[in-house]
Amino acid sequence: MLASIAREGTPAAASPATKAAKPSSDEALIARIARRDQLAMRALVLRHRTALYRWIKRMVLDEALAEDLVSEVFLDVWRQAASFEGRSSVSTWLFAVARYKALSARRRRTDAELDEDAALRIPDPADDPETSLLKKDRSARIAQLLTNLSLKHREVLDLVYYHGKSVREVAEITGTAEATVKTRMFHARKRLGALMAA
């Protein structure tokens, strides 16, 4: 599927809804994808693939599975773009779909135990080698400690700190109340602090 959208397609004519949005906005891309515009799909994949992959990988702790799940997310976007109602941002919608797929995959796996080594091997291609070296010790320690948190606490911290999501967006992605997200954040920070101090 992703290979087919990487090939160039012919953009469809812009609708009034698309004209109202900036041509490169996620919402405009979704409107074009609903009309089967492969170039718009390619742009959306390029924009969000890395962030979704990193987040899913930290949830499932398996590189190959994370790649498969990212492909499934974008396949769902291709199929369901016309049903996107815009009640949340496209990014929030993508993370909600990714979360559902990651949790479903974890339930299907019988070997879903925490793997600290996999969490430590998550690369960050945005950093140059020098910056990576400087961050390595601290990041490795935090990544290791995150694996000691429950999945609910880990996903909340991940969405807020690694992906810059607001409490409202995290509530939408996880399907919980904002108060629940705040409570999980409080307990996750407290637990992480205790682990760092130990």
N, C-alpha and C. Protein backbone atom coordinates (compact mmCIF):
# COMPACT_ATOMS: atom_id res chain seq x y z
N MET A 1 0.83 -1.20 0.00
CA MET A 1 0.00 0.00 0.00
C MET A 1 0.86 1.25 0.00
N LEU A 2 1.84 1.34 0.94
CA LEU A 2 2.67 2.53 1.00
C LEU A 2 3.52 2.67 -0.24
N ALA A 3 3.87 1.56 -0.85
CA ALA A 3 4.64 1.64 -2.09
C ALA A 3 3.79 2.26 -3.18
N SER A 4 2.50 1.91 -3.23
CA SER A 4 1.65 2.45 -4.27
C SER A 4 1.40 3.94 -4.08
N ILE A 5 1.31 4.41 -2.85
CA ILE A 5 1.10 5.83 -2.65
C ILE A 5 2.37 6.63 -2.83
N ALA A 6 3.51 5.96 -2.84
CA ALA A 6 4.76 6.67 -3.10
C ALA A 6 4.85 7.07 -4.56
N ARG A 7 4.14 6.33 -5.46
CA ARG A 7 4.11 6.71 -6.86
C ARG A 7 3.25 7.94 -7.02
N GLU A 8 3.57 8.74 -7.99
CA GLU A 8 2.86 10.00 -8.18
C GLU A 8 1.48 9.74 -8.76
N GLY A 9 0.49 10.43 -8.22
CA GLY A 9 -0.87 10.36 -8.72
C GLY A 9 -1.29 11.72 -9.21
N THR A 10 -2.46 11.79 -9.77
CA THR A 10 -2.96 13.06 -10.27
C THR A 10 -3.85 13.69 -9.23
N PRO A 11 -3.51 14.91 -8.76
CA PRO A 11 -4.34 15.57 -7.76
C PRO A 11 -5.71 15.88 -8.32
N ALA A 12 -6.73 15.69 -7.49
CA ALA A 12 -8.09 16.02 -7.91
C ALA A 12 -8.31 17.51 -7.73
N ALA A 13 -9.37 18.02 -8.34
CA ALA A 13 -9.70 19.44 -8.21
C ALA A 13 -10.05 19.76 -6.77
N ALA A 14 -9.70 20.96 -6.33
CA ALA A 14 -9.92 21.33 -4.93
C ALA A 14 -11.39 21.62 -4.68
N SER A 15 -11.88 21.12 -3.55
CA SER A 15 -13.26 21.38 -3.15
C SER A 15 -13.29 22.66 -2.33
N PRO A 16 -14.47 23.22 -2.05
CA PRO A 16 -14.54 24.42 -1.21
C PRO A 16 -13.92 24.20 0.16
N ALA A 17 -14.09 22.99 0.74
CA ALA A 17 -13.51 22.71 2.06
C ALA A 17 -11.99 22.75 1.99
N THR A 18 -11.42 22.22 0.90
CA THR A 18 -9.98 22.21 0.76
C THR A 18 -9.46 23.62 0.54
N LYS A 19 -10.20 24.41 -0.24
CA LYS A 19 -9.77 25.78 -0.51
C LYS A 19 -9.75 26.62 0.75
N ALA A 20 -10.62 26.29 1.71
CA ALA A 20 -10.67 27.04 2.97
C ALA A 20 -9.45 26.75 3.82
N ALA A 21 -8.90 25.53 3.71
CA ALA A 21 -7.73 25.16 4.50
C ALA A 21 -6.47 25.49 3.71
N LYS A 22 -5.37 25.66 4.41
CA LYS A 22 -4.10 25.89 3.72
C LYS A 22 -3.81 24.65 2.87
N PRO A 23 -3.23 24.84 1.67
CA PRO A 23 -3.01 23.70 0.77
C PRO A 23 -2.17 22.59 1.40
N SER A 24 -1.26 22.94 2.31
CA SER A 24 -0.40 21.91 2.88
C SER A 24 -0.85 21.46 4.27
N SER A 25 -1.99 21.96 4.76
CA SER A 25 -2.45 21.55 6.08
C SER A 25 -2.86 20.09 6.07
N ASP A 26 -2.79 19.47 7.24
CA ASP A 26 -3.21 18.07 7.35
C ASP A 26 -4.66 17.90 6.92
N GLU A 27 -5.52 18.85 7.30
CA GLU A 27 -6.93 18.76 6.95
C GLU A 27 -7.13 18.79 5.44
N ALA A 28 -6.35 19.66 4.76
CA ALA A 28 -6.44 19.73 3.29
C ALA A 28 -5.96 18.42 2.68
N LEU A 29 -4.90 17.85 3.23
CA LEU A 29 -4.41 16.57 2.72
C LEU A 29 -5.45 15.47 2.89
N ILE A 30 -6.12 15.44 4.04
CA ILE A 30 -7.16 14.42 4.27
C ILE A 30 -8.29 14.59 3.26
N ALA A 31 -8.68 15.83 2.99
CA ALA A 31 -9.75 16.07 2.01
C ALA A 31 -9.32 15.56 0.63
N ARG A 32 -8.08 15.77 0.28
CA ARG A 32 -7.58 15.28 -1.01
C ARG A 32 -7.46 13.76 -1.02
N ILE A 33 -7.05 13.18 0.11
CA ILE A 33 -6.95 11.72 0.20
C ILE A 33 -8.33 11.09 0.05
N ALA A 34 -9.35 11.75 0.59
CA ALA A 34 -10.72 11.23 0.46
C ALA A 34 -11.12 11.12 -1.01
N ARG A 35 -10.49 11.94 -1.87
CA ARG A 35 -10.74 11.89 -3.31
C ARG A 35 -9.70 11.04 -4.03
N ARG A 36 -8.95 10.25 -3.25
CA ARG A 36 -7.95 9.29 -3.76
C ARG A 36 -6.74 9.96 -4.41
N ASP A 37 -6.29 11.06 -3.82
CA ASP A 37 -5.11 11.77 -4.30
C ASP A 37 -3.87 11.12 -3.67
N GLN A 38 -3.10 10.39 -4.48
CA GLN A 38 -1.94 9.67 -3.96
C GLN A 38 -0.81 10.61 -3.53
N LEU A 39 -0.69 11.75 -4.18
CA LEU A 39 0.34 12.71 -3.77
C LEU A 39 0.05 13.25 -2.37
N ALA A 40 -1.21 13.50 -2.08
CA ALA A 40 -1.59 13.96 -0.74
C ALA A 40 -1.30 12.88 0.29
N MET A 41 -1.57 11.63 -0.06
CA MET A 41 -1.30 10.52 0.86
C MET A 41 0.19 10.43 1.13
N ARG A 42 0.98 10.57 0.08
CA ARG A 42 2.43 10.51 0.24
C ARG A 42 2.91 11.63 1.17
N ALA A 43 2.37 12.83 0.99
CA ALA A 43 2.76 13.97 1.83
C ALA A 43 2.40 13.71 3.29
N LEU A 44 1.20 13.16 3.54
CA LEU A 44 0.78 12.88 4.92
C LEU A 44 1.67 11.81 5.55
N VAL A 45 2.00 10.77 4.80
CA VAL A 45 2.88 9.72 5.30
C VAL A 45 4.24 10.30 5.66
N LEU A 46 4.81 11.09 4.76
CA LEU A 46 6.13 11.68 5.02
C LEU A 46 6.10 12.58 6.25
N ARG A 47 5.00 13.27 6.46
CA ARG A 47 4.89 14.21 7.58
C ARG A 47 4.76 13.50 8.93
N HIS A 48 4.05 12.37 8.99
CA HIS A 48 3.71 11.77 10.29
C HIS A 48 4.32 10.39 10.55
N ARG A 49 4.91 9.76 9.56
CA ARG A 49 5.37 8.39 9.70
C ARG A 49 6.39 8.21 10.83
N THR A 50 7.38 9.07 10.91
CA THR A 50 8.45 8.90 11.91
C THR A 50 7.91 9.01 13.33
N ALA A 51 7.09 10.03 13.59
CA ALA A 51 6.54 10.20 14.94
C ALA A 51 5.66 9.01 15.33
N LEU A 52 4.81 8.55 14.39
CA LEU A 52 3.95 7.40 14.69
C LEU A 52 4.79 6.14 14.93
N TYR A 53 5.80 5.95 14.10
CA TYR A 53 6.66 4.76 14.26
C TYR A 53 7.33 4.75 15.64
N ARG A 54 7.91 5.88 16.01
CA ARG A 54 8.59 5.95 17.31
C ARG A 54 7.64 5.65 18.46
N TRP A 55 6.44 6.24 18.39
CA TRP A 55 5.49 6.06 19.48
C TRP A 55 5.01 4.61 19.54
N ILE A 56 4.65 4.05 18.39
CA ILE A 56 4.18 2.66 18.37
C ILE A 56 5.29 1.73 18.84
N LYS A 57 6.52 1.99 18.40
CA LYS A 57 7.63 1.11 18.78
C LYS A 57 7.83 1.11 20.29
N ARG A 58 7.67 2.28 20.91
CA ARG A 58 7.81 2.33 22.38
C ARG A 58 6.66 1.60 23.07
N MET A 59 5.54 1.46 22.40
CA MET A 59 4.42 0.73 23.00
C MET A 59 4.56 -0.78 22.81
N VAL A 60 4.97 -1.20 21.60
CA VAL A 60 5.01 -2.64 21.33
C VAL A 60 6.40 -3.24 21.51
N LEU A 61 7.44 -2.38 21.58
CA LEU A 61 8.82 -2.81 21.81
C LEU A 61 9.29 -3.84 20.77
N ASP A 62 8.92 -3.59 19.51
CA ASP A 62 9.29 -4.50 18.43
C ASP A 62 9.33 -3.69 17.13
N GLU A 63 10.52 -3.58 16.51
CA GLU A 63 10.70 -2.74 15.33
C GLU A 63 9.84 -3.20 14.15
N ALA A 64 9.90 -4.50 13.84
CA ALA A 64 9.16 -5.02 12.69
C ALA A 64 7.65 -4.85 12.87
N LEU A 65 7.17 -5.14 14.07
CA LEU A 65 5.75 -4.98 14.35
C LEU A 65 5.36 -3.51 14.25
N ALA A 66 6.20 -2.62 14.75
CA ALA A 66 5.91 -1.19 14.67
C ALA A 66 5.80 -0.74 13.21
N GLU A 67 6.70 -1.22 12.35
CA GLU A 67 6.63 -0.88 10.92
C GLU A 67 5.31 -1.35 10.32
N ASP A 68 4.92 -2.59 10.65
CA ASP A 68 3.65 -3.13 10.13
C ASP A 68 2.46 -2.30 10.59
N LEU A 69 2.47 -1.91 11.86
CA LEU A 69 1.35 -1.16 12.41
C LEU A 69 1.26 0.24 11.81
N VAL A 70 2.41 0.86 11.55
CA VAL A 70 2.39 2.17 10.89
C VAL A 70 1.75 2.04 9.51
N SER A 71 2.12 1.00 8.78
CA SER A 71 1.51 0.76 7.47
C SER A 71 0.00 0.57 7.59
N GLU A 72 -0.43 -0.15 8.62
CA GLU A 72 -1.87 -0.36 8.84
C GLU A 72 -2.59 0.95 9.14
N VAL A 73 -1.94 1.82 9.92
CA VAL A 73 -2.53 3.12 10.24
C VAL A 73 -2.80 3.89 8.95
N PHE A 74 -1.79 3.98 8.09
CA PHE A 74 -1.95 4.75 6.86
C PHE A 74 -2.89 4.07 5.87
N LEU A 75 -2.97 2.76 5.92
CA LEU A 75 -3.94 2.05 5.09
C LEU A 75 -5.36 2.42 5.54
N ASP A 76 -5.57 2.49 6.86
CA ASP A 76 -6.87 2.93 7.39
C ASP A 76 -7.19 4.36 6.98
N VAL A 77 -6.17 5.23 7.00
CA VAL A 77 -6.38 6.62 6.58
C VAL A 77 -6.83 6.64 5.13
N TRP A 78 -6.17 5.88 4.28
CA TRP A 78 -6.53 5.84 2.85
C TRP A 78 -7.97 5.38 2.67
N ARG A 79 -8.36 4.39 3.45
CA ARG A 79 -9.72 3.84 3.32
C ARG A 79 -10.79 4.71 3.97
N GLN A 80 -10.44 5.42 5.06
CA GLN A 80 -11.44 6.11 5.86
C GLN A 80 -11.33 7.63 5.85
N ALA A 81 -10.53 8.19 4.96
CA ALA A 81 -10.34 9.65 4.94
C ALA A 81 -11.66 10.39 4.77
N ALA A 82 -12.56 9.84 3.98
CA ALA A 82 -13.84 10.50 3.75
C ALA A 82 -14.69 10.57 5.01
N SER A 83 -14.43 9.70 5.98
CA SER A 83 -15.23 9.71 7.21
C SER A 83 -14.63 10.61 8.30
N PHE A 84 -13.46 11.23 8.02
CA PHE A 84 -12.85 12.13 9.00
C PHE A 84 -13.72 13.37 9.16
N GLU A 85 -14.17 13.62 10.39
CA GLU A 85 -15.12 14.70 10.63
C GLU A 85 -14.47 15.97 11.17
N GLY A 86 -13.20 15.93 11.49
CA GLY A 86 -12.51 17.13 11.95
C GLY A 86 -12.82 17.54 13.38
N ARG A 87 -13.34 16.62 14.19
CA ARG A 87 -13.62 16.96 15.60
C ARG A 87 -12.33 17.12 16.39
N SER A 88 -11.24 16.54 15.89
CA SER A 88 -9.93 16.70 16.49
C SER A 88 -8.95 16.95 15.35
N SER A 89 -7.71 17.24 15.70
CA SER A 89 -6.71 17.45 14.65
C SER A 89 -6.40 16.12 13.96
N VAL A 90 -5.88 16.20 12.76
CA VAL A 90 -5.51 14.99 12.02
C VAL A 90 -4.45 14.22 12.81
N SER A 91 -3.50 14.94 13.40
CA SER A 91 -2.45 14.29 14.19
C SER A 91 -3.05 13.50 15.35
N THR A 92 -4.01 14.09 16.04
CA THR A 92 -4.66 13.39 17.16
C THR A 92 -5.39 12.15 16.66
N TRP A 93 -6.06 12.26 15.52
CA TRP A 93 -6.76 11.13 14.91
C TRP A 93 -5.77 10.01 14.59
N LEU A 94 -4.63 10.36 13.99
CA LEU A 94 -3.62 9.37 13.64
C LEU A 94 -3.09 8.65 14.88
N PHE A 95 -2.80 9.42 15.94
CA PHE A 95 -2.30 8.80 17.16
C PHE A 95 -3.35 7.91 17.81
N ALA A 96 -4.62 8.29 17.72
CA ALA A 96 -5.69 7.45 18.28
C ALA A 96 -5.78 6.13 17.53
N VAL A 97 -5.70 6.18 16.20
CA VAL A 97 -5.72 4.96 15.39
C VAL A 97 -4.49 4.11 15.72
N ALA A 98 -3.33 4.76 15.82
CA ALA A 98 -2.08 4.04 16.12
C ALA A 98 -2.15 3.38 17.50
N ARG A 99 -2.71 4.09 18.46
CA ARG A 99 -2.83 3.54 19.82
C ARG A 99 -3.70 2.29 19.81
N TYR A 100 -4.84 2.37 19.13
CA TYR A 100 -5.75 1.23 19.06
C TYR A 100 -5.02 0.02 18.45
N LYS A 101 -4.30 0.25 17.37
CA LYS A 101 -3.60 -0.85 16.70
C LYS A 101 -2.49 -1.42 17.58
N ALA A 102 -1.76 -0.55 18.27
CA ALA A 102 -0.68 -1.02 19.14
C ALA A 102 -1.23 -1.83 20.31
N LEU A 103 -2.30 -1.35 20.92
CA LEU A 103 -2.89 -2.09 22.04
C LEU A 103 -3.45 -3.44 21.58
N SER A 104 -4.08 -3.45 20.40
CA SER A 104 -4.60 -4.71 19.86
C SER A 104 -3.47 -5.69 19.59
N ALA A 105 -2.36 -5.17 19.05
CA ALA A 105 -1.21 -6.04 18.77
C ALA A 105 -0.62 -6.60 20.07
N ARG A 106 -0.56 -5.76 21.10
CA ARG A 106 -0.04 -6.23 22.39
C ARG A 106 -0.92 -7.34 22.96
N ARG A 107 -2.22 -7.20 22.81
CA ARG A 107 -3.13 -8.23 23.32
C ARG A 107 -2.96 -9.54 22.56
N ARG A 108 -2.66 -9.42 21.26
CA ARG A 108 -2.50 -10.63 20.44
C ARG A 108 -1.19 -11.35 20.73
N ARG A 109 -0.21 -10.60 21.19
CA ARG A 109 1.10 -11.22 21.43
C ARG A 109 1.13 -11.92 22.78
N THR A 110 1.70 -13.08 22.80
CA THR A 110 1.83 -13.80 24.07
C THR A 110 3.15 -13.44 24.74
N ASP A 111 4.06 -12.87 23.98
CA ASP A 111 5.36 -12.52 24.53
C ASP A 111 5.51 -11.02 24.70
N ALA A 112 4.46 -10.35 25.20
CA ALA A 112 4.48 -8.89 25.30
C ALA A 112 5.13 -8.39 26.59
N GLU A 113 6.18 -9.05 27.02
CA GLU A 113 6.88 -8.61 28.22
C GLU A 113 7.73 -7.39 27.90
N LEU A 114 8.01 -6.58 28.89
CA LEU A 114 8.84 -5.39 28.69
C LEU A 114 10.26 -5.81 28.33
N ASP A 115 10.83 -5.13 27.35
CA ASP A 115 12.18 -5.42 26.90
C ASP A 115 12.99 -4.14 26.99
N GLU A 116 13.77 -4.00 28.05
CA GLU A 116 14.55 -2.78 28.27
C GLU A 116 15.57 -2.57 27.17
N ASP A 117 16.17 -3.63 26.66
CA ASP A 117 17.17 -3.49 25.60
C ASP A 117 16.57 -2.87 24.35
N ALA A 118 15.36 -3.25 23.98
CA ALA A 118 14.72 -2.67 22.79
C ALA A 118 14.46 -1.19 22.99
N ALA A 119 14.04 -0.79 24.18
CA ALA A 119 13.79 0.62 24.44
C ALA A 119 15.07 1.44 24.36
N LEU A 120 16.18 0.85 24.76
CA LEU A 120 17.46 1.56 24.72
C LEU A 120 18.00 1.72 23.30
N ARG A 121 17.54 0.87 22.38
CA ARG A 121 18.06 0.92 21.00
C ARG A 121 17.24 1.82 20.08
N ILE A 122 16.29 2.56 20.59
CA ILE A 122 15.48 3.42 19.73
C ILE A 122 16.33 4.59 19.25
N PRO A 123 16.59 4.65 17.94
CA PRO A 123 17.42 5.75 17.43
C PRO A 123 16.60 7.02 17.24
N ASP A 124 17.27 8.16 17.25
CA ASP A 124 16.63 9.44 16.98
C ASP A 124 17.36 10.09 15.80
N PRO A 125 16.88 9.86 14.55
CA PRO A 125 17.60 10.36 13.39
C PRO A 125 17.62 11.88 13.30
N ALA A 126 16.82 12.58 14.07
CA ALA A 126 16.80 14.04 14.03
C ALA A 126 18.06 14.64 14.65
N ASP A 127 18.73 13.89 15.51
CA ASP A 127 19.94 14.40 16.17
C ASP A 127 21.18 14.03 15.38
N ASP A 128 22.16 14.96 15.37
CA ASP A 128 23.44 14.62 14.74
C ASP A 128 24.23 13.75 15.72
N PRO A 129 25.31 13.14 15.26
CA PRO A 129 26.06 12.22 16.14
C PRO A 129 26.55 12.87 17.43
N GLU A 130 27.00 14.11 17.36
CA GLU A 130 27.52 14.77 18.57
C GLU A 130 26.41 14.99 19.59
N THR A 131 25.27 15.47 19.12
CA THR A 131 24.14 15.68 20.03
C THR A 131 23.66 14.36 20.60
N SER A 132 23.63 13.33 19.77
CA SER A 132 23.21 12.01 20.24
C SER A 132 24.11 11.50 21.35
N LEU A 133 25.41 11.72 21.20
CA LEU A 133 26.36 11.28 22.22
C LEU A 133 26.11 12.00 23.54
N LEU A 134 25.85 13.30 23.46
CA LEU A 134 25.62 14.07 24.68
C LEU A 134 24.34 13.63 25.39
N LYS A 135 23.33 13.26 24.60
CA LYS A 135 22.04 12.88 25.19
C LYS A 135 21.98 11.40 25.57
N LYS A 136 22.93 10.63 25.09
CA LYS A 136 22.82 9.17 25.19
C LYS A 136 22.61 8.67 26.61
N ASP A 137 23.46 9.09 27.53
CA ASP A 137 23.37 8.58 28.89
C ASP A 137 22.03 8.93 29.53
N ARG A 138 21.65 10.21 29.43
CA ARG A 138 20.40 10.64 30.06
C ARG A 138 19.19 9.96 29.39
N SER A 139 19.18 9.96 28.05
CA SER A 139 18.07 9.35 27.33
C SER A 139 17.96 7.86 27.60
N ALA A 140 19.11 7.20 27.64
CA ALA A 140 19.10 5.76 27.90
C ALA A 140 18.53 5.47 29.28
N ARG A 141 18.91 6.29 30.25
CA ARG A 141 18.41 6.10 31.62
C ARG A 141 16.90 6.32 31.68
N ILE A 142 16.43 7.40 31.05
CA ILE A 142 14.99 7.69 31.05
C ILE A 142 14.22 6.60 30.31
N ALA A 143 14.74 6.19 29.15
CA ALA A 143 14.08 5.13 28.38
C ALA A 143 13.99 3.84 29.19
N GLN A 144 15.06 3.54 29.91
CA GLN A 144 15.05 2.33 30.74
C GLN A 144 14.02 2.46 31.85
N LEU A 145 13.96 3.63 32.47
CA LEU A 145 13.01 3.84 33.56
C LEU A 145 11.57 3.82 33.07
N LEU A 146 11.33 4.34 31.86
CA LEU A 146 9.97 4.33 31.31
C LEU A 146 9.41 2.92 31.17
N THR A 147 10.28 1.96 30.89
CA THR A 147 9.81 0.59 30.73
C THR A 147 9.32 0.01 32.06
N ASN A 148 9.68 0.66 33.18
CA ASN A 148 9.22 0.20 34.49
C ASN A 148 7.84 0.75 34.84
N LEU A 149 7.33 1.67 34.04
CA LEU A 149 5.99 2.23 34.29
C LEU A 149 4.94 1.35 33.65
N SER A 150 3.72 1.46 34.12
CA SER A 150 2.63 0.73 33.49
C SER A 150 2.40 1.31 32.10
N LEU A 151 1.77 0.54 31.22
CA LEU A 151 1.51 1.00 29.86
C LEU A 151 0.69 2.29 29.86
N LYS A 152 -0.30 2.39 30.73
CA LYS A 152 -1.15 3.59 30.78
C LYS A 152 -0.34 4.82 31.17
N HIS A 153 0.56 4.67 32.13
CA HIS A 153 1.39 5.80 32.55
C HIS A 153 2.43 6.13 31.47
N ARG A 154 3.01 5.08 30.88
CA ARG A 154 4.04 5.28 29.86
C ARG A 154 3.48 5.98 28.63
N GLU A 155 2.29 5.59 28.20
CA GLU A 155 1.74 6.20 26.98
C GLU A 155 1.39 7.66 27.20
N VAL A 156 0.92 8.03 28.40
CA VAL A 156 0.59 9.42 28.69
C VAL A 156 1.85 10.28 28.67
N LEU A 157 2.91 9.83 29.37
CA LEU A 157 4.16 10.57 29.36
C LEU A 157 4.73 10.68 27.95
N ASP A 158 4.66 9.60 27.22
CA ASP A 158 5.19 9.57 25.85
C ASP A 158 4.48 10.60 24.97
N LEU A 159 3.15 10.61 25.02
CA LEU A 159 2.39 11.55 24.18
C LEU A 159 2.65 13.00 24.56
N VAL A 160 2.76 13.29 25.85
CA VAL A 160 2.96 14.67 26.28
C VAL A 160 4.38 15.14 26.02
N TYR A 161 5.38 14.35 26.44
CA TYR A 161 6.76 14.82 26.38
C TYR A 161 7.47 14.53 25.06
N TYR A 162 7.17 13.40 24.43
CA TYR A 162 7.84 13.08 23.18
C TYR A 162 7.10 13.61 21.96
N HIS A 163 5.78 13.79 22.09
CA HIS A 163 4.99 14.20 20.94
C HIS A 163 4.27 15.53 21.13
N GLY A 164 4.46 16.17 22.28
CA GLY A 164 3.92 17.51 22.50
C GLY A 164 2.41 17.61 22.50
N LYS A 165 1.72 16.56 22.87
CA LYS A 165 0.26 16.58 22.89
C LYS A 165 -0.25 17.23 24.17
N SER A 166 -1.37 17.92 24.04
CA SER A 166 -2.01 18.54 25.21
C SER A 166 -2.80 17.49 25.98
N VAL A 167 -3.22 17.84 27.19
CA VAL A 167 -4.03 16.93 28.00
C VAL A 167 -5.31 16.57 27.24
N ARG A 168 -5.93 17.56 26.60
CA ARG A 168 -7.15 17.32 25.84
C ARG A 168 -6.89 16.33 24.70
N GLU A 169 -5.78 16.51 23.97
CA GLU A 169 -5.46 15.61 22.86
C GLU A 169 -5.16 14.20 23.37
N VAL A 170 -4.45 14.10 24.49
CA VAL A 170 -4.16 12.78 25.06
C VAL A 170 -5.46 12.09 25.46
N ALA A 171 -6.39 12.86 26.02
CA ALA A 171 -7.69 12.29 26.40
C ALA A 171 -8.42 11.76 25.17
N GLU A 172 -8.36 12.50 24.05
CA GLU A 172 -9.00 12.03 22.82
C GLU A 172 -8.33 10.77 22.29
N ILE A 173 -7.00 10.77 22.29
CA ILE A 173 -6.25 9.63 21.75
C ILE A 173 -6.50 8.37 22.57
N THR A 174 -6.49 8.51 23.90
CA THR A 174 -6.62 7.34 24.77
C THR A 174 -8.07 6.99 25.10
N GLY A 175 -9.00 7.88 24.73
CA GLY A 175 -10.41 7.60 25.00
C GLY A 175 -10.75 7.68 26.48
N THR A 176 -10.05 8.56 27.20
CA THR A 176 -10.32 8.73 28.63
C THR A 176 -10.65 10.18 28.92
N ALA A 177 -11.11 10.44 30.12
CA ALA A 177 -11.44 11.81 30.53
C ALA A 177 -10.15 12.59 30.79
N GLU A 178 -10.22 13.92 30.62
CA GLU A 178 -9.05 14.77 30.87
C GLU A 178 -8.57 14.62 32.31
N ALA A 179 -9.51 14.49 33.25
CA ALA A 179 -9.13 14.32 34.65
C ALA A 179 -8.33 13.04 34.85
N THR A 180 -8.70 11.99 34.13
CA THR A 180 -7.97 10.72 34.21
C THR A 180 -6.56 10.89 33.67
N VAL A 181 -6.43 11.63 32.56
CA VAL A 181 -5.10 11.88 31.98
C VAL A 181 -4.23 12.63 32.99
N LYS A 182 -4.81 13.66 33.63
CA LYS A 182 -4.05 14.44 34.61
C LYS A 182 -3.62 13.57 35.79
N THR A 183 -4.51 12.70 36.23
CA THR A 183 -4.18 11.80 37.34
C THR A 183 -3.05 10.86 36.94
N ARG A 184 -3.15 10.29 35.73
CA ARG A 184 -2.10 9.39 35.26
C ARG A 184 -0.77 10.13 35.12
N MET A 185 -0.82 11.37 34.65
CA MET A 185 0.40 12.17 34.53
C MET A 185 1.04 12.37 35.90
N PHE A 186 0.21 12.71 36.88
CA PHE A 186 0.72 12.94 38.24
C PHE A 186 1.42 11.69 38.77
N HIS A 187 0.74 10.55 38.67
CA HIS A 187 1.30 9.31 39.21
C HIS A 187 2.51 8.85 38.40
N ALA A 188 2.47 9.06 37.08
CA ALA A 188 3.61 8.66 36.24
C ALA A 188 4.84 9.48 36.58
N ARG A 189 4.67 10.80 36.74
CA ARG A 189 5.81 11.66 37.10
C ARG A 189 6.37 11.28 38.47
N LYS A 190 5.45 11.03 39.40
CA LYS A 190 5.87 10.67 40.76
C LYS A 190 6.67 9.37 40.74
N ARG A 191 6.17 8.38 40.02
CA ARG A 191 6.85 7.08 39.93
C ARG A 191 8.20 7.23 39.22
N LEU A 192 8.23 8.01 38.12
CA LEU A 192 9.47 8.21 37.39
C LEU A 192 10.49 8.93 38.27
N GLY A 193 10.04 9.92 39.03
CA GLY A 193 10.94 10.62 39.94
C GLY A 193 11.53 9.70 40.99
N ALA A 194 10.69 8.83 41.53
CA ALA A 194 11.16 7.87 42.53
C ALA A 194 12.18 6.92 41.92
N LEU A 195 11.93 6.48 40.69
CA LEU A 195 12.86 5.57 40.03
C LEU A 195 14.20 6.26 39.73
N MET A 196 14.14 7.54 39.33
CA MET A 196 15.37 8.27 39.05
C MET A 196 16.18 8.51 40.32
N ALA A 197 15.49 8.71 41.42
CA ALA A 197 16.19 8.96 42.68
C ALA A 197 16.80 7.69 43.25
N ALA A 198 16.25 6.55 42.90
CA ALA A 198 16.70 5.27 43.47
C ALA A 198 18.07 4.87 42.97
